[in-house]
Structure formats: structure tokens, C-alpha cells
Amino acid sequence: MAKSRTRRSTGAVNTPGQFAIGVTNNPGNQASPVILYIRYDSRCQACDTKTGECKVKAGMCLIEGNCYKEGDGHPDAQTSENRPTCRPEHSQSSWHVIGMHVLIHHTS
């Protein structure tokens, strides 16, 4: 009796949080159709489920994988003076301090 093999592949797409998923009962063939699964926070992102393209919404920041609305401060800041703040007009992916740009960047 021939041994059966199970082939598992997520078919990861370039953007973190996105996966191409397909199911097949024939281990030698590619699954069809493949669907795109996108994991994102709808509070601060809008994603096109057909293309997989995601954008940060106006008035929001996506910093280190977390959503913040305009004016929210860094959660670990000890005082409100010079507290790094979400300022989408400066950057939607890094903290901003009045008078300077904080070098805390998240790349996706």
C-alpha cells in the first residue's frame, strides 16, 4: 500500500498578515481556487480583498503593528511633556514629538 503524503503550503504573500489559501485532495496538484486571507485591524486600515492592498485610514497611525488615532500618545511614555504622539500629517508609521521626529520606525 502506498504511503500518502500531505502537502501543506500557506503560499505567503509579501505583505505581513496576508496568506493565499487553497485546499486540494490531490497532493500533486495545486489547489484551485485560491482565496486571499487578510488579517488586519479595520479600526485603522482599509484593505481591498481582491488585490490585498491595505492602506492606513486618514487620521490614524499604524505603529509597530498597533492602531492609534490622531493625538494618541505613546503608551510607554512616562510624562505628557514631549510625549511621542500619533500625528498622521507627519507620519502614519512612526511617533512624532513636537520640534523633532522620533526615530522609532516600523517597516512593513
C-alpha atoms as a PDB file:
ATOM      1  CA  MET A   1       0.000   0.000   0.000  1.00  0.00           C
ATOM      2  CA  ALA A   2       1.402   3.389  -0.973  1.00  0.00           C
ATOM      3  CA  LYS A   3       2.094   5.884   1.725  1.00  0.00           C
ATOM      4  CA  SER A   4       0.067   9.073   1.336  1.00  0.00           C
ATOM      5  CA  ARG A   5       1.707  12.437   1.815  1.00  0.00           C
ATOM      6  CA  THR A   6       0.051  15.635   2.881  1.00  0.00           C
ATOM      7  CA  ARG A   7       1.433  18.817   1.389  1.00  0.00           C
ATOM      8  CA  ARG A   8       0.742  21.986   3.312  1.00  0.00           C
ATOM      9  CA  SER A   9       1.588  25.393   1.986  1.00  0.00           C
ATOM     10  CA  THR A  10       0.335  28.782   3.101  1.00  0.00           C
ATOM     11  CA  GLY A  11       1.588  30.448  -0.073  1.00  0.00           C
ATOM     12  CA  ALA A  12       2.574  33.504   1.927  1.00  0.00           C
ATOM     13  CA  VAL A  13       2.044  36.821   0.154  1.00  0.00           C
ATOM     14  CA  ASN A  14       4.635  39.612   0.541  1.00  0.00           C
ATOM     15  CA  THR A  15       2.597  41.720   2.974  1.00  0.00           C
ATOM     16  CA  PRO A  16       2.574  40.522   6.616  1.00  0.00           C
ATOM     17  CA  GLY A  17      -0.834  39.286   7.685  1.00  0.00           C
ATOM     18  CA  GLN A  18      -1.835  38.020   4.229  1.00  0.00           C
ATOM     19  CA  PHE A  19      -1.985  34.431   3.047  1.00  0.00           C
ATOM     20  CA  ALA A  20      -3.121  32.711  -0.124  1.00  0.00           C
ATOM     21  CA  ILE A  21      -5.092  29.627   0.958  1.00  0.00           C
ATOM     22  CA  GLY A  22      -6.134  26.695  -1.189  1.00  0.00           C
ATOM     23  CA  VAL A  23      -7.446  23.211  -0.451  1.00  0.00           C
ATOM     24  CA  THR A  24      -6.921  20.075  -2.528  1.00  0.00           C
ATOM     25  CA  ASN A  25      -7.469  16.346  -2.102  1.00  0.00           C
ATOM     26  CA  ASN A  26      -4.906  15.572  -4.821  1.00  0.00           C
ATOM     27  CA  PRO A  27      -1.432  16.105  -3.256  1.00  0.00           C
ATOM     28  CA  GLY A  28       0.338  16.516  -6.612  1.00  0.00           C
ATOM     29  CA  ASN A  29      -1.797  19.376  -7.913  1.00  0.00           C
ATOM     30  CA  GLN A  30      -2.125  22.999  -6.916  1.00  0.00           C
ATOM     31  CA  ALA A  31      -5.393  23.847  -5.216  1.00  0.00           C
ATOM     32  CA  SER A  32      -7.917  25.833  -7.142  1.00  0.00           C
ATOM     33  CA  PRO A  33      -9.364  28.320  -6.489  1.00  0.00           C
ATOM     34  CA  VAL A  34      -7.002  30.008  -4.064  1.00  0.00           C
ATOM     35  CA  ILE A  35      -8.504  32.632  -1.766  1.00  0.00           C
ATOM     36  CA  LEU A  36      -6.722  35.560  -0.158  1.00  0.00           C
ATOM     37  CA  TYR A  37      -6.968  35.768   3.635  1.00  0.00           C
ATOM     38  CA  ILE A  38      -6.057  39.184   5.085  1.00  0.00           C
ATOM     39  CA  ARG A  39      -5.642  39.752   8.811  1.00  0.00           C
ATOM     40  CA  TYR A  40      -5.867  43.468   9.612  1.00  0.00           C
ATOM     41  CA  ASP A  41      -7.311  45.936  12.117  1.00  0.00           C
ATOM     42  CA  SER A  42     -10.305  47.615  10.482  1.00  0.00           C
ATOM     43  CA  ARG A  43     -10.171  50.470  13.020  1.00  0.00           C
ATOM     44  CA  CYS A  44      -7.130  51.925  11.288  1.00  0.00           C
ATOM     45  CA  GLN A  45      -6.760  50.091   7.965  1.00  0.00           C
ATOM     46  CA  ALA A  46      -8.830  49.643   4.834  1.00  0.00           C
ATOM     47  CA  CYS A  47      -7.971  46.621   2.679  1.00  0.00           C
ATOM     48  CA  ASP A  48      -9.017  45.652  -0.814  1.00  0.00           C
ATOM     49  CA  THR A  49      -9.909  41.962  -0.579  1.00  0.00           C
ATOM     50  CA  LYS A  50      -9.332  41.418  -4.307  1.00  0.00           C
ATOM     51  CA  THR A  51      -5.825  42.922  -4.586  1.00  0.00           C
ATOM     52  CA  GLY A  52      -4.706  42.539  -0.956  1.00  0.00           C
ATOM     53  CA  GLU A  53      -3.619  46.190  -0.847  1.00  0.00           C
ATOM     54  CA  CYS A  54      -4.062  47.791   2.583  1.00  0.00           C
ATOM     55  CA  LYS A  55      -3.845  51.475   3.472  1.00  0.00           C
ATOM     56  CA  VAL A  56      -3.876  53.265   6.804  1.00  0.00           C
ATOM     57  CA  LYS A  57      -7.064  55.305   7.179  1.00  0.00           C
ATOM     58  CA  ALA A  58      -6.974  59.112   7.404  1.00  0.00           C
ATOM     59  CA  GLY A  59      -6.485  60.387  10.934  1.00  0.00           C
ATOM     60  CA  MET A  60      -4.919  57.117  12.098  1.00  0.00           C
ATOM     61  CA  CYS A  61      -1.436  55.695  12.708  1.00  0.00           C
ATOM     62  CA  LEU A  62      -0.272  52.097  12.473  1.00  0.00           C
ATOM     63  CA  ILE A  63       2.889  51.955  14.575  1.00  0.00           C
ATOM     64  CA  GLU A  64       4.653  48.686  15.403  1.00  0.00           C
ATOM     65  CA  GLY A  65       1.502  46.771  14.460  1.00  0.00           C
ATOM     66  CA  ASN A  66      -0.801  48.784  16.735  1.00  0.00           C
ATOM     67  CA  CYS A  67      -3.526  51.271  15.811  1.00  0.00           C
ATOM     68  CA  TYR A  68      -3.619  54.780  17.257  1.00  0.00           C
ATOM     69  CA  LYS A  69      -5.901  57.675  16.424  1.00  0.00           C
ATOM     70  CA  GLU A  70      -4.554  61.172  15.858  1.00  0.00           C
ATOM     71  CA  GLY A  71      -3.391  62.682  19.150  1.00  0.00           C
ATOM     72  CA  ASP A  72      -2.889  59.360  20.968  1.00  0.00           C
ATOM     73  CA  GLY A  73       0.354  59.250  22.915  1.00  0.00           C
ATOM     74  CA  HIS A  74       2.977  56.526  23.133  1.00  0.00           C
ATOM     75  CA  PRO A  75       1.682  54.008  25.715  1.00  0.00           C
ATOM     76  CA  ASP A  76       5.059  53.711  27.487  1.00  0.00           C
ATOM     77  CA  ALA A  77       5.758  57.453  27.850  1.00  0.00           C
ATOM     78  CA  GLN A  78       6.281  58.424  31.484  1.00  0.00           C
ATOM     79  CA  THR A  79       5.108  62.034  31.217  1.00  0.00           C
ATOM     80  CA  SER A  80       2.960  64.052  28.853  1.00  0.00           C
ATOM     81  CA  GLU A  81       5.794  66.553  28.244  1.00  0.00           C
ATOM     82  CA  ASN A  82       7.435  65.795  24.881  1.00  0.00           C
ATOM     83  CA  ARG A  83       5.396  62.589  24.736  1.00  0.00           C
ATOM     84  CA  PRO A  84       5.657  60.858  21.350  1.00  0.00           C
ATOM     85  CA  THR A  85       2.274  61.236  19.664  1.00  0.00           C
ATOM     86  CA  CYS A  86       0.391  59.887  16.648  1.00  0.00           C
ATOM     87  CA  ARG A  87       0.466  62.734  14.106  1.00  0.00           C
ATOM     88  CA  PRO A  88      -0.650  61.289  10.750  1.00  0.00           C
ATOM     89  CA  GLU A  89       0.138  64.534   8.925  1.00  0.00           C
ATOM     90  CA  HIS A  90       3.819  63.858   9.743  1.00  0.00           C
ATOM     91  CA  SER A  91       3.861  60.048   9.544  1.00  0.00           C
ATOM     92  CA  GLN A  92       1.320  57.247   9.852  1.00  0.00           C
ATOM     93  CA  SER A  93       4.002  54.719  10.788  1.00  0.00           C
ATOM     94  CA  SER A  94       6.175  56.449  13.414  1.00  0.00           C
ATOM     95  CA  TRP A  95       5.817  58.549  16.564  1.00  0.00           C
ATOM     96  CA  HIS A  96       6.185  62.318  16.445  1.00  0.00           C
ATOM     97  CA  VAL A  97       7.414  64.719  19.122  1.00  0.00           C
ATOM     98  CA  ILE A  98       6.845  68.453  18.706  1.00  0.00           C
ATOM     99  CA  GLY A  99      10.018  70.009  17.347  1.00  0.00           C
ATOM    100  CA  MET A 100      11.555  66.717  16.255  1.00  0.00           C
ATOM    101  CA  HIS A 101      10.789  63.447  14.584  1.00  0.00           C
ATOM    102  CA  VAL A 102      11.347  60.402  16.791  1.00  0.00           C
ATOM    103  CA  LEU A 103      13.438  57.679  15.210  1.00  0.00           C
ATOM    104  CA  ILE A 104      11.052  54.834  16.008  1.00  0.00           C
ATOM    105  CA  HIS A 105      10.028  53.447  12.644  1.00  0.00           C
ATOM    106  CA  HIS A 106       8.033  50.349  11.781  1.00  0.00           C
ATOM    107  CA  THR A 107       8.540  48.928   8.329  1.00  0.00           C
ATOM    108  CA  SER A 108       6.082  46.567   6.787  1.00  0.00           C
END
